[in-house]
């Protein structure tokens, strides 16, 4: 029984020491809101915006990355009284972002597209 008690006390001491180490690291220079010095920026990061325009329902709008860059993400917004975003996805070749939408009561819908690009 003594060995079990000693092990439990040792585990407790280790847990307390680990907690103290964590608390020591939670300084302002290491806070979650501050970027560590080793954080890297994505090379060639750029957001390409295709501003809102009315297009026929289900017509695709595509925001393309500049030459030599590839899409790493994107998004879209359907605008209008009863607008629904039907699709938002990358182009098959990875050079842009596609979006399409519709409105129930109208034959057109406002679509904005955003492509997040990088080298």
PDB file of N, CA and C in Angstrom:
ATOM      1  N   UNK A   1       0.802  -1.185   0.000  1.00  0.00           N
ATOM      2  CA  UNK A   1       0.000   0.000   0.000  1.00  0.00           C
ATOM      3  C   UNK A   1       0.849   1.254   0.000  1.00  0.00           C
ATOM      4  N   UNK A   2       2.003   1.210   0.653  1.00  0.00           N
ATOM      5  CA  UNK A   2       2.845   2.395   0.719  1.00  0.00           C
ATOM      6  C   UNK A   2       3.335   2.794  -0.671  1.00  0.00           C
ATOM      7  N   UNK A   3       3.692   1.812  -1.492  1.00  0.00           N
ATOM      8  CA  UNK A   3       4.179   2.120  -2.832  1.00  0.00           C
ATOM      9  C   UNK A   3       3.103   2.821  -3.643  1.00  0.00           C
ATOM     10  N   UNK A   4       1.874   2.392  -3.497  1.00  0.00           N
ATOM     11  CA  UNK A   4       0.775   3.010  -4.227  1.00  0.00           C
ATOM     12  C   UNK A   4       0.589   4.458  -3.769  1.00  0.00           C
ATOM     13  N   UNK A   5       0.677   4.696  -2.472  1.00  0.00           N
ATOM     14  CA  UNK A   5       0.542   6.042  -1.940  1.00  0.00           C
ATOM     15  C   UNK A   5       1.678   6.926  -2.441  1.00  0.00           C
ATOM     16  N   UNK A   6       2.891   6.396  -2.459  1.00  0.00           N
ATOM     17  CA  UNK A   6       4.032   7.166  -2.930  1.00  0.00           C
ATOM     18  C   UNK A   6       3.887   7.502  -4.403  1.00  0.00           C
ATOM     19  N   UNK A   7       3.388   6.558  -5.203  1.00  0.00           N
ATOM     20  CA  UNK A   7       3.191   6.794  -6.622  1.00  0.00           C
ATOM     21  C   UNK A   7       2.136   7.869  -6.843  1.00  0.00           C
ATOM     22  N   UNK A   8       1.064   7.796  -6.071  1.00  0.00           N
ATOM     23  CA  UNK A   8       0.010   8.793  -6.193  1.00  0.00           C
ATOM     24  C   UNK A   8       0.538  10.170  -5.802  1.00  0.00           C
ATOM     25  N   UNK A   9       1.289  10.243  -4.756  1.00  0.00           N
ATOM     26  CA  UNK A   9       1.867  11.520  -4.336  1.00  0.00           C
ATOM     27  C   UNK A   9       2.842  12.037  -5.389  1.00  0.00           C
ATOM     28  N   UNK A  10       3.625  11.126  -5.986  1.00  0.00           N
ATOM     29  CA  UNK A  10       4.559  11.524  -7.044  1.00  0.00           C
ATOM     30  C   UNK A  10       3.823  12.035  -8.268  1.00  0.00           C
ATOM     31  N   UNK A  11       2.732  11.352  -8.625  1.00  0.00           N
ATOM     32  CA  UNK A  11       1.939  11.796  -9.771  1.00  0.00           C
ATOM     33  C   UNK A  11       1.322  13.153  -9.497  1.00  0.00           C
ATOM     34  N   UNK A  12       0.871  13.349  -8.258  1.00  0.00           N
ATOM     35  CA  UNK A  12       0.304  14.631  -7.876  1.00  0.00           C
ATOM     36  C   UNK A  12       1.357  15.727  -7.956  1.00  0.00           C
ATOM     37  N   UNK A  13       2.562  15.450  -7.472  1.00  0.00           N
ATOM     38  CA  UNK A  13       3.645  16.428  -7.530  1.00  0.00           C
ATOM     39  C   UNK A  13       3.985  16.771  -8.970  1.00  0.00           C
ATOM     40  N   UNK A  14       3.989  15.756  -9.832  1.00  0.00           N
ATOM     41  CA  UNK A  14       4.271  15.982 -11.247  1.00  0.00           C
ATOM     42  C   UNK A  14       3.182  16.839 -11.877  1.00  0.00           C
ATOM     43  N   UNK A  15       1.927  16.569 -11.538  1.00  0.00           N
ATOM     44  CA  UNK A  15       0.811  17.357 -12.061  1.00  0.00           C
ATOM     45  C   UNK A  15       0.909  18.805 -11.608  1.00  0.00           C
ATOM     46  N   UNK A  16       1.215  18.999 -10.339  1.00  0.00           N
ATOM     47  CA  UNK A  16       1.350  20.361  -9.810  1.00  0.00           C
ATOM     48  C   UNK A  16       2.504  21.076 -10.492  1.00  0.00           C
ATOM     49  N   UNK A  17       3.629  20.395 -10.671  1.00  0.00           N
ATOM     50  CA  UNK A  17       4.781  20.999 -11.333  1.00  0.00           C
ATOM     51  C   UNK A  17       4.450  21.351 -12.772  1.00  0.00           C
ATOM     52  N   UNK A  18       3.711  20.464 -13.458  1.00  0.00           N
ATOM     53  CA  UNK A  18       3.328  20.745 -14.844  1.00  0.00           C
ATOM     54  C   UNK A  18       2.411  21.955 -14.898  1.00  0.00           C
ATOM     55  N   UNK A  19       1.491  22.046 -13.937  1.00  0.00           N
ATOM     56  CA  UNK A  19       0.597  23.197 -13.879  1.00  0.00           C
ATOM     57  C   UNK A  19       1.356  24.473 -13.618  1.00  0.00           C
ATOM     58  N   UNK A  20       2.347  24.421 -12.748  1.00  0.00           N
ATOM     59  CA  UNK A  20       3.160  25.601 -12.462  1.00  0.00           C
ATOM     60  C   UNK A  20       3.934  26.020 -13.701  1.00  0.00           C
ATOM     61  N   UNK A  21       4.414  25.048 -14.467  1.00  0.00           N
ATOM     62  CA  UNK A  21       5.123  25.363 -15.709  1.00  0.00           C
ATOM     63  C   UNK A  21       4.213  26.041 -16.710  1.00  0.00           C
ATOM     64  N   UNK A  22       2.968  25.589 -16.784  1.00  0.00           N
ATOM     65  CA  UNK A  22       2.007  26.208 -17.697  1.00  0.00           C
ATOM     66  C   UNK A  22       1.721  27.630 -17.267  1.00  0.00           C
ATOM     67  N   UNK A  23       1.527  27.823 -15.966  1.00  0.00           N
ATOM     68  CA  UNK A  23       1.242  29.163 -15.464  1.00  0.00           C
ATOM     69  C   UNK A  23       2.417  30.095 -15.724  1.00  0.00           C
ATOM     70  N   UNK A  24       3.620  29.583 -15.622  1.00  0.00           N
ATOM     71  CA  UNK A  24       4.799  30.413 -15.868  1.00  0.00           C
ATOM     72  C   UNK A  24       4.872  30.837 -17.324  1.00  0.00           C
ATOM     73  N   UNK A  25       4.307  30.026 -18.234  1.00  0.00           N
ATOM     74  CA  UNK A  25       4.335  30.364 -19.654  1.00  0.00           C
ATOM     75  C   UNK A  25       3.237  31.342 -20.035  1.00  0.00           C
ATOM     76  N   UNK A  26       2.233  31.495 -19.217  1.00  0.00           N
ATOM     77  CA  UNK A  26       1.105  32.350 -19.556  1.00  0.00           C
ATOM     78  C   UNK A  26       1.426  33.808 -19.259  1.00  0.00           C
ATOM     79  N   UNK A  27       2.474  34.300 -19.839  1.00  0.00           N
ATOM     80  CA  UNK A  27       2.881  35.682 -19.673  1.00  0.00           C
ATOM     81  C   UNK A  27       2.342  36.499 -20.842  1.00  0.00           C
ATOM     82  N   UNK A  28       2.296  37.814 -20.705  1.00  0.00           N
ATOM     83  CA  UNK A  28       1.770  38.631 -21.802  1.00  0.00           C
ATOM     84  C   UNK A  28       2.473  38.396 -23.133  1.00  0.00           C
ATOM     85  N   UNK A  29       3.765  38.160 -23.121  1.00  0.00           N
ATOM     86  CA  UNK A  29       4.468  37.956 -24.377  1.00  0.00           C
ATOM     87  C   UNK A  29       4.142  36.604 -25.012  1.00  0.00           C
ATOM     88  N   UNK A  30       3.496  35.696 -24.262  1.00  0.00           N
ATOM     89  CA  UNK A  30       3.107  34.392 -24.791  1.00  0.00           C
ATOM     90  C   UNK A  30       1.592  34.207 -24.762  1.00  0.00           C
ATOM     91  N   UNK A  31       0.839  35.279 -24.634  1.00  0.00           N
ATOM     92  CA  UNK A  31      -0.615  35.150 -24.537  1.00  0.00           C
ATOM     93  C   UNK A  31      -1.189  34.699 -25.873  1.00  0.00           C
ATOM     94  N   UNK A  32      -2.375  34.092 -25.863  1.00  0.00           N
ATOM     95  CA  UNK A  32      -2.983  33.598 -27.099  1.00  0.00           C
ATOM     96  C   UNK A  32      -3.243  34.689 -28.139  1.00  0.00           C
ATOM     97  N   UNK A  33      -3.359  35.944 -27.713  1.00  0.00           N
ATOM     98  CA  UNK A  33      -3.626  37.019 -28.661  1.00  0.00           C
ATOM     99  C   UNK A  33      -2.373  37.549 -29.343  1.00  0.00           C
ATOM    100  N   UNK A  34      -1.206  37.163 -28.848  1.00  0.00           N
ATOM    101  CA  UNK A  34       0.050  37.603 -29.432  1.00  0.00           C
ATOM    102  C   UNK A  34       0.615  36.489 -30.300  1.00  0.00           C
ATOM    103  N   UNK A  35       0.990  36.805 -31.532  1.00  0.00           N
ATOM    104  CA  UNK A  35       1.575  35.799 -32.417  1.00  0.00           C
ATOM    105  C   UNK A  35       2.995  35.468 -31.975  1.00  0.00           C
ATOM    106  N   UNK A  36       3.320  34.194 -31.875  1.00  0.00           N
ATOM    107  CA  UNK A  36       4.706  33.831 -31.559  1.00  0.00           C
ATOM    108  C   UNK A  36       5.638  34.275 -32.687  1.00  0.00           C
ATOM    109  N   UNK A  37       6.900  34.484 -32.346  1.00  0.00           N
ATOM    110  CA  UNK A  37       7.875  34.949 -33.329  1.00  0.00           C
ATOM    111  C   UNK A  37       8.050  33.961 -34.477  1.00  0.00           C
ATOM    112  N   UNK A  38       7.785  32.675 -34.243  1.00  0.00           N
ATOM    113  CA  UNK A  38       7.998  31.659 -35.278  1.00  0.00           C
ATOM    114  C   UNK A  38       6.803  31.497 -36.227  1.00  0.00           C
ATOM    115  N   UNK A  39       5.706  32.251 -36.018  1.00  0.00           N
ATOM    116  CA  UNK A  39       4.546  32.139 -36.905  1.00  0.00           C
ATOM    117  C   UNK A  39       4.924  32.600 -38.301  1.00  0.00           C
ATOM    118  N   UNK A  40       4.593  31.802 -39.285  1.00  0.00           N
ATOM    119  CA  UNK A  40       4.907  32.158 -40.665  1.00  0.00           C
ATOM    120  C   UNK A  40       3.661  32.665 -41.378  1.00  0.00           C
ATOM    121  N   UNK A  41       3.858  33.602 -42.258  1.00  0.00           N
ATOM    122  CA  UNK A  41       2.788  34.120 -43.080  1.00  0.00           C
ATOM    123  C   UNK A  41       2.748  33.283 -44.350  1.00  0.00           C
ATOM    124  N   UNK A  42       1.556  33.027 -44.852  1.00  0.00           N
ATOM    125  CA  UNK A  42       1.425  32.264 -46.091  1.00  0.00           C
ATOM    126  C   UNK A  42       2.035  33.084 -47.221  1.00  0.00           C
ATOM    127  N   UNK A  43       2.924  32.483 -47.985  1.00  0.00           N
ATOM    128  CA  UNK A  43       3.637  33.166 -49.065  1.00  0.00           C
ATOM    129  C   UNK A  43       2.671  33.614 -50.161  1.00  0.00           C
ATOM    130  N   UNK A  44       2.659  34.885 -50.441  1.00  0.00           N
ATOM    131  CA  UNK A  44       1.838  35.427 -51.513  1.00  0.00           C
ATOM    132  C   UNK A  44       0.366  35.525 -51.186  1.00  0.00           C
ATOM    133  N   UNK A  45       0.009  35.525 -49.908  1.00  0.00           N
ATOM    134  CA  UNK A  45      -1.394  35.583 -49.468  1.00  0.00           C
ATOM    135  C   UNK A  45      -2.095  36.797 -50.062  1.00  0.00           C
ATOM    136  N   UNK A  46      -3.278  36.574 -50.622  1.00  0.00           N
ATOM    137  CA  UNK A  46      -4.039  37.656 -51.237  1.00  0.00           C
ATOM    138  C   UNK A  46      -5.500  37.259 -51.305  1.00  0.00           C
ATOM    139  N   UNK A  47      -6.401  38.192 -51.003  1.00  0.00           N
ATOM    140  CA  UNK A  47      -7.829  37.942 -51.145  1.00  0.00           C
ATOM    141  C   UNK A  47      -8.306  38.678 -52.387  1.00  0.00           C
ATOM    142  N   UNK A  48      -8.932  37.936 -53.287  1.00  0.00           N
ATOM    143  CA  UNK A  48      -9.499  38.512 -54.504  1.00  0.00           C
ATOM    144  C   UNK A  48     -11.008  38.585 -54.303  1.00  0.00           C
ATOM    145  N   UNK A  49     -11.576  39.774 -54.504  1.00  0.00           N
ATOM    146  CA  UNK A  49     -12.999  39.988 -54.279  1.00  0.00           C
ATOM    147  C   UNK A  49     -13.706  40.278 -55.595  1.00  0.00           C
ATOM    148  N   UNK A  50     -14.779  39.567 -55.823  1.00  0.00           N
ATOM    149  CA  UNK A  50     -15.674  39.843 -56.946  1.00  0.00           C
ATOM    150  C   UNK A  50     -16.912  40.470 -56.320  1.00  0.00           C
ATOM    151  N   UNK A  51     -17.048  41.811 -56.406  1.00  0.00           N
ATOM    152  CA  UNK A  51     -18.125  42.480 -55.683  1.00  0.00           C
ATOM    153  C   UNK A  51     -19.514  42.033 -56.144  1.00  0.00           C
ATOM    154  N   UNK A  52     -20.483  42.339 -55.328  1.00  0.00           N
ATOM    155  CA  UNK A  52     -21.868  41.962 -55.602  1.00  0.00           C
ATOM    156  C   UNK A  52     -22.326  42.403 -56.986  1.00  0.00           C
ATOM    157  N   UNK A  53     -22.973  41.492 -57.676  1.00  0.00           N
ATOM    158  CA  UNK A  53     -23.598  41.794 -58.968  1.00  0.00           C
ATOM    159  C   UNK A  53     -24.794  40.870 -59.122  1.00  0.00           C
ATOM    160  N   UNK A  54     -25.845  41.393 -59.716  1.00  0.00           N
ATOM    161  CA  UNK A  54     -27.020  40.575 -59.988  1.00  0.00           C
ATOM    162  C   UNK A  54     -26.778  39.731 -61.225  1.00  0.00           C
ATOM    163  N   UNK A  55     -27.044  38.455 -61.095  1.00  0.00           N
ATOM    164  CA  UNK A  55     -26.911  37.504 -62.203  1.00  0.00           C
ATOM    165  C   UNK A  55     -28.153  36.619 -62.219  1.00  0.00           C
ATOM    166  N   UNK A  56     -28.437  35.981 -63.348  1.00  0.00           N
ATOM    167  CA  UNK A  56     -29.579  35.062 -63.378  1.00  0.00           C
ATOM    168  C   UNK A  56     -29.422  33.958 -62.324  1.00  0.00           C
ATOM    169  N   UNK A  57     -30.549  33.482 -61.805  1.00  0.00           N
ATOM    170  CA  UNK A  57     -30.519  32.391 -60.838  1.00  0.00           C
ATOM    171  C   UNK A  57     -29.679  31.230 -61.369  1.00  0.00           C
ATOM    172  N   UNK A  58     -28.868  30.663 -60.500  1.00  0.00           N
ATOM    173  CA  UNK A  58     -28.000  29.513 -60.770  1.00  0.00           C
ATOM    174  C   UNK A  58     -26.824  29.795 -61.717  1.00  0.00           C
ATOM    175  N   UNK A  59     -26.635  31.056 -62.113  1.00  0.00           N
ATOM    176  CA  UNK A  59     -25.464  31.372 -62.935  1.00  0.00           C
ATOM    177  C   UNK A  59     -24.241  31.464 -62.040  1.00  0.00           C
ATOM    178  N   UNK A  60     -23.166  30.815 -62.456  1.00  0.00           N
ATOM    179  CA  UNK A  60     -21.928  30.817 -61.672  1.00  0.00           C
ATOM    180  C   UNK A  60     -21.176  32.130 -61.834  1.00  0.00           C
ATOM    181  N   UNK A  61     -20.589  32.596 -60.717  1.00  0.00           N
ATOM    182  CA  UNK A  61     -19.641  33.707 -60.750  1.00  0.00           C
ATOM    183  C   UNK A  61     -18.342  33.163 -60.187  1.00  0.00           C
ATOM    184  N   UNK A  62     -17.218  33.534 -60.808  1.00  0.00           N
ATOM    185  CA  UNK A  62     -15.928  32.994 -60.398  1.00  0.00           C
ATOM    186  C   UNK A  62     -14.924  34.109 -60.153  1.00  0.00           C
ATOM    187  N   UNK A  63     -14.307  34.084 -58.980  1.00  0.00           N
ATOM    188  CA  UNK A  63     -13.198  34.990 -58.657  1.00  0.00           C
ATOM    189  C   UNK A  63     -11.916  34.199 -58.876  1.00  0.00           C
ATOM    190  N   UNK A  64     -11.056  34.680 -59.766  1.00  0.00           N
ATOM    191  CA  UNK A  64      -9.811  33.977 -60.103  1.00  0.00           C
ATOM    192  C   UNK A  64      -8.614  34.586 -59.380  1.00  0.00           C
ATOM    193  N   UNK A  65      -7.688  33.727 -58.999  1.00  0.00           N
ATOM    194  CA  UNK A  65      -6.420  34.170 -58.417  1.00  0.00           C
ATOM    195  C   UNK A  65      -5.536  34.757 -59.513  1.00  0.00           C
ATOM    196  N   UNK A  66      -4.634  35.666 -59.150  1.00  0.00           N
ATOM    197  CA  UNK A  66      -3.673  36.172 -60.128  1.00  0.00           C
ATOM    198  C   UNK A  66      -2.811  35.024 -60.668  1.00  0.00           C
ATOM    199  N   UNK A  67      -2.247  35.229 -61.821  1.00  0.00           N
ATOM    200  CA  UNK A  67      -1.406  34.214 -62.462  1.00  0.00           C
ATOM    201  C   UNK A  67      -0.318  33.719 -61.516  1.00  0.00           C
ATOM    202  N   UNK A  68      -0.143  32.416 -61.447  1.00  0.00           N
ATOM    203  CA  UNK A  68       0.886  31.810 -60.612  1.00  0.00           C
ATOM    204  C   UNK A  68       0.440  31.495 -59.197  1.00  0.00           C
ATOM    205  N   UNK A  69      -0.750  31.941 -58.797  1.00  0.00           N
ATOM    206  CA  UNK A  69      -1.253  31.663 -57.453  1.00  0.00           C
ATOM    207  C   UNK A  69      -2.375  30.633 -57.521  1.00  0.00           C
ATOM    208  N   UNK A  70      -2.590  29.984 -56.387  1.00  0.00           N
ATOM    209  CA  UNK A  70      -3.647  28.979 -56.283  1.00  0.00           C
ATOM    210  C   UNK A  70      -4.579  29.330 -55.134  1.00  0.00           C
ATOM    211  N   UNK A  71      -5.823  28.936 -55.259  1.00  0.00           N
ATOM    212  CA  UNK A  71      -6.804  29.207 -54.223  1.00  0.00           C
ATOM    213  C   UNK A  71      -6.572  28.255 -53.042  1.00  0.00           C
ATOM    214  N   UNK A  72      -6.579  28.823 -51.833  1.00  0.00           N
ATOM    215  CA  UNK A  72      -6.440  27.999 -50.629  1.00  0.00           C
ATOM    216  C   UNK A  72      -7.710  28.064 -49.775  1.00  0.00           C
ATOM    217  N   UNK A  73      -8.674  28.848 -50.234  1.00  0.00           N
ATOM    218  CA  UNK A  73      -9.956  28.970 -49.545  1.00  0.00           C
ATOM    219  C   UNK A  73     -10.802  30.003 -50.235  1.00  0.00           C
ATOM    220  N   UNK A  74     -12.004  30.181 -49.762  1.00  0.00           N
ATOM    221  CA  UNK A  74     -12.869  31.167 -50.369  1.00  0.00           C
ATOM    222  C   UNK A  74     -14.235  31.173 -49.723  1.00  0.00           C
ATOM    223  N   UNK A  75     -15.083  31.988 -50.269  1.00  0.00           N
ATOM    224  CA  UNK A  75     -16.439  32.093 -49.755  1.00  0.00           C
ATOM    225  C   UNK A  75     -17.283  32.933 -50.674  1.00  0.00           C
ATOM    226  N   UNK A  76     -18.554  33.073 -50.322  1.00  0.00           N
ATOM    227  CA  UNK A  76     -19.478  33.824 -51.155  1.00  0.00           C
ATOM    228  C   UNK A  76     -20.658  34.293 -50.316  1.00  0.00           C
ATOM    229  N   UNK A  77     -21.403  35.220 -50.896  1.00  0.00           N
ATOM    230  CA  UNK A  77     -22.594  35.733 -50.237  1.00  0.00           C
ATOM    231  C   UNK A  77     -23.674  35.932 -51.288  1.00  0.00           C
ATOM    232  N   UNK A  78     -24.872  35.462 -50.971  1.00  0.00           N
ATOM    233  CA  UNK A  78     -26.034  35.706 -51.820  1.00  0.00           C
ATOM    234  C   UNK A  78     -26.813  36.856 -51.206  1.00  0.00           C
ATOM    235  N   UNK A  79     -27.120  37.865 -52.013  1.00  0.00           N
ATOM    236  CA  UNK A  79     -27.795  39.049 -51.496  1.00  0.00           C
ATOM    237  C   UNK A  79     -29.117  39.252 -52.208  1.00  0.00           C
ATOM    238  N   UNK A  80     -30.123  39.600 -51.443  1.00  0.00           N
ATOM    239  CA  UNK A  80     -31.454  39.837 -51.983  1.00  0.00           C
ATOM    240  C   UNK A  80     -32.492  39.432 -50.953  1.00  0.00           C
ATOM    241  N   UNK A  81     -33.728  39.807 -51.218  1.00  0.00           N
ATOM    242  CA  UNK A  81     -34.810  39.567 -50.270  1.00  0.00           C
ATOM    243  C   UNK A  81     -35.009  38.113 -49.885  1.00  0.00           C
ATOM    244  N   UNK A  82     -34.870  37.228 -50.805  1.00  0.00           N
ATOM    245  CA  UNK A  82     -35.090  35.803 -50.557  1.00  0.00           C
ATOM    246  C   UNK A  82     -33.920  35.013 -51.133  1.00  0.00           C
ATOM    247  N   UNK A  83     -32.725  35.585 -51.021  1.00  0.00           N
ATOM    248  CA  UNK A  83     -31.539  34.999 -51.656  1.00  0.00           C
ATOM    249  C   UNK A  83     -31.045  33.769 -50.905  1.00  0.00           C
ATOM    250  N   UNK A  84     -30.607  32.786 -51.667  1.00  0.00           N
ATOM    251  CA  UNK A  84     -30.052  31.552 -51.119  1.00  0.00           C
ATOM    252  C   UNK A  84     -28.749  31.261 -51.851  1.00  0.00           C
ATOM    253  N   UNK A  85     -27.681  31.048 -51.106  1.00  0.00           N
ATOM    254  CA  UNK A  85     -26.414  30.636 -51.692  1.00  0.00           C
ATOM    255  C   UNK A  85     -26.518  29.135 -51.964  1.00  0.00           C
ATOM    256  N   UNK A  86     -26.427  28.757 -53.226  1.00  0.00           N
ATOM    257  CA  UNK A  86     -26.608  27.362 -53.629  1.00  0.00           C
ATOM    258  C   UNK A  86     -25.284  26.609 -53.630  1.00  0.00           C
ATOM    259  N   UNK A  87     -24.192  27.290 -54.001  1.00  0.00           N
ATOM    260  CA  UNK A  87     -22.894  26.628 -54.057  1.00  0.00           C
ATOM    261  C   UNK A  87     -21.767  27.606 -53.832  1.00  0.00           C
ATOM    262  N   UNK A  88     -20.682  27.113 -53.221  1.00  0.00           N
ATOM    263  CA  UNK A  88     -19.478  27.894 -52.967  1.00  0.00           C
ATOM    264  C   UNK A  88     -18.339  26.889 -52.873  1.00  0.00           C
ATOM    265  N   UNK A  89     -17.461  26.876 -53.898  1.00  0.00           N
ATOM    266  CA  UNK A  89     -16.437  25.836 -53.981  1.00  0.00           C
ATOM    267  C   UNK A  89     -15.309  26.263 -54.915  1.00  0.00           C
ATOM    268  N   UNK A  90     -14.145  25.607 -54.800  1.00  0.00           N
ATOM    269  CA  UNK A  90     -13.010  25.971 -55.665  1.00  0.00           C
ATOM    270  C   UNK A  90     -13.220  25.488 -57.103  1.00  0.00           C
ATOM    271  N   UNK A  91     -12.540  26.138 -58.039  1.00  0.00           N
ATOM    272  CA  UNK A  91     -12.558  25.674 -59.426  1.00  0.00           C
ATOM    273  C   UNK A  91     -11.825  24.333 -59.490  1.00  0.00           C
ATOM    274  N   UNK A  92     -12.146  23.502 -60.469  1.00  0.00           N
ATOM    275  CA  UNK A  92     -11.484  22.199 -60.565  1.00  0.00           C
ATOM    276  C   UNK A  92      -9.955  22.285 -60.672  1.00  0.00           C
ATOM    277  N   UNK A  93      -9.443  23.352 -61.294  1.00  0.00           N
ATOM    278  CA  UNK A  93      -7.990  23.476 -61.454  1.00  0.00           C
ATOM    279  C   UNK A  93      -7.324  24.223 -60.299  1.00  0.00           C
ATOM    280  N   UNK A  94      -8.106  24.660 -59.302  1.00  0.00           N
ATOM    281  CA  UNK A  94      -7.546  25.312 -58.120  1.00  0.00           C
ATOM    282  C   UNK A  94      -7.071  26.737 -58.322  1.00  0.00           C
ATOM    283  N   UNK A  95      -7.571  27.409 -59.361  1.00  0.00           N
ATOM    284  CA  UNK A  95      -7.132  28.784 -59.621  1.00  0.00           C
ATOM    285  C   UNK A  95      -8.170  29.830 -59.230  1.00  0.00           C
ATOM    286  N   UNK A  96      -9.296  29.427 -58.661  1.00  0.00           N
ATOM    287  CA  UNK A  96     -10.322  30.392 -58.298  1.00  0.00           C
ATOM    288  C   UNK A  96     -11.403  29.792 -57.428  1.00  0.00           C
ATOM    289  N   UNK A  97     -12.405  30.629 -57.150  1.00  0.00           N
ATOM    290  CA  UNK A  97     -13.536  30.213 -56.310  1.00  0.00           C
ATOM    291  C   UNK A  97     -14.836  30.513 -57.038  1.00  0.00           C
ATOM    292  N   UNK A  98     -15.743  29.551 -57.043  1.00  0.00           N
ATOM    293  CA  UNK A  98     -17.023  29.632 -57.753  1.00  0.00           C
ATOM    294  C   UNK A  98     -18.161  29.804 -56.745  1.00  0.00           C
ATOM    295  N   UNK A  99     -19.152  30.591 -57.106  1.00  0.00           N
ATOM    296  CA  UNK A  99     -20.352  30.725 -56.281  1.00  0.00           C
ATOM    297  C   UNK A  99     -21.574  30.860 -57.175  1.00  0.00           C
ATOM    298  N   UNK A 100     -22.706  30.385 -56.681  1.00  0.00           N
ATOM    299  CA  UNK A 100     -23.966  30.556 -57.380  1.00  0.00           C
ATOM    300  C   UNK A 100     -25.099  30.566 -56.370  1.00  0.00           C
ATOM    301  N   UNK A 101     -26.193  31.195 -56.757  1.00  0.00           N
ATOM    302  CA  UNK A 101     -27.324  31.303 -55.854  1.00  0.00           C
ATOM    303  C   UNK A 101     -28.622  31.479 -56.613  1.00  0.00           C
ATOM    304  N   UNK A 102     -29.665  31.725 -55.839  1.00  0.00           N
ATOM    305  CA  UNK A 102     -30.981  31.929 -56.446  1.00  0.00           C
ATOM    306  C   UNK A 102     -31.870  32.713 -55.493  1.00  0.00           C
ATOM    307  N   UNK A 103     -32.951  33.251 -56.034  1.00  0.00           N
ATOM    308  CA  UNK A 103     -34.013  33.868 -55.246  1.00  0.00           C
ATOM    309  C   UNK A 103     -35.330  33.240 -55.699  1.00  0.00           C
ATOM    310  N   UNK A 104     -36.191  32.934 -54.758  1.00  0.00           N
ATOM    311  CA  UNK A 104     -37.461  32.300 -55.107  1.00  0.00           C
ATOM    312  C   UNK A 104     -38.390  33.217 -55.888  1.00  0.00           C
ATOM    313  N   UNK A 105     -38.478  34.461 -55.493  1.00  0.00           N
ATOM    314  CA  UNK A 105     -39.456  35.378 -56.089  1.00  0.00           C
ATOM    315  C   UNK A 105     -38.912  36.183 -57.266  1.00  0.00           C
ATOM    316  N   UNK A 106     -37.626  36.033 -57.589  1.00  0.00           N
ATOM    317  CA  UNK A 106     -37.018  36.831 -58.645  1.00  0.00           C
ATOM    318  C   UNK A 106     -36.201  35.941 -59.569  1.00  0.00           C
ATOM    319  N   UNK A 107     -35.927  36.459 -60.757  1.00  0.00           N
ATOM    320  CA  UNK A 107     -35.138  35.679 -61.719  1.00  0.00           C
ATOM    321  C   UNK A 107     -33.642  35.964 -61.612  1.00  0.00           C
ATOM    322  N   UNK A 108     -33.263  36.914 -60.742  1.00  0.00           N
ATOM    323  CA  UNK A 108     -31.843  37.228 -60.543  1.00  0.00           C
ATOM    324  C   UNK A 108     -31.519  37.188 -59.056  1.00  0.00           C
ATOM    325  N   UNK A 109     -30.221  37.123 -58.772  1.00  0.00           N
ATOM    326  CA  UNK A 109     -29.738  37.118 -57.388  1.00  0.00           C
ATOM    327  C   UNK A 109     -28.403  37.852 -57.343  1.00  0.00           C
ATOM    328  N   UNK A 110     -28.153  38.561 -56.253  1.00  0.00           N
ATOM    329  CA  UNK A 110     -26.868  39.233 -56.071  1.00  0.00           C
ATOM    330  C   UNK A 110     -25.862  38.248 -55.483  1.00  0.00           C
ATOM    331  N   UNK A 111     -24.704  38.135 -56.135  1.00  0.00           N
ATOM    332  CA  UNK A 111     -23.671  37.207 -55.666  1.00  0.00           C
ATOM    333  C   UNK A 111     -22.338  37.950 -55.533  1.00  0.00           C
ATOM    334  N   UNK A 112     -21.707  37.807 -54.370  1.00  0.00           N
ATOM    335  CA  UNK A 112     -20.340  38.278 -54.134  1.00  0.00           C
ATOM    336  C   UNK A 112     -19.468  37.046 -53.943  1.00  0.00           C
ATOM    337  N   UNK A 113     -18.229  37.092 -54.441  1.00  0.00           N
ATOM    338  CA  UNK A 113     -17.329  35.934 -54.338  1.00  0.00           C
ATOM    339  C   UNK A 113     -15.980  36.396 -53.808  1.00  0.00           C
ATOM    340  N   UNK A 114     -15.368  35.554 -52.971  1.00  0.00           N
ATOM    341  CA  UNK A 114     -14.070  35.844 -52.372  1.00  0.00           C
ATOM    342  C   UNK A 114     -13.153  34.644 -52.558  1.00  0.00           C
ATOM    343  N   UNK A 115     -12.010  34.857 -53.167  1.00  0.00           N
ATOM    344  CA  UNK A 115     -11.018  33.795 -53.324  1.00  0.00           C
ATOM    345  C   UNK A 115      -9.804  34.146 -52.479  1.00  0.00           C
ATOM    346  N   UNK A 116      -9.371  33.217 -51.642  1.00  0.00           N
ATOM    347  CA  UNK A 116      -8.169  33.399 -50.832  1.00  0.00           C
ATOM    348  C   UNK A 116      -7.050  32.682 -51.574  1.00  0.00           C
ATOM    349  N   UNK A 117      -6.063  33.441 -52.010  1.00  0.00           N
ATOM    350  CA  UNK A 117      -5.014  32.919 -52.891  1.00  0.00           C
ATOM    351  C   UNK A 117      -3.643  32.971 -52.221  1.00  0.00           C
ATOM    352  N   UNK A 118      -2.747  32.131 -52.679  1.00  0.00           N
ATOM    353  CA  UNK A 118      -1.363  32.115 -52.200  1.00  0.00           C
ATOM    354  C   UNK A 118      -0.472  31.511 -53.271  1.00  0.00           C
ATOM    355  N   UNK A 119       0.837  31.711 -53.114  1.00  0.00           N
ATOM    356  CA  UNK A 119       1.801  31.142 -54.072  1.00  0.00           C
ATOM    357  C   UNK A 119       1.858  29.636 -53.936  1.00  0.00           C
TER     358      UNK A 119
END
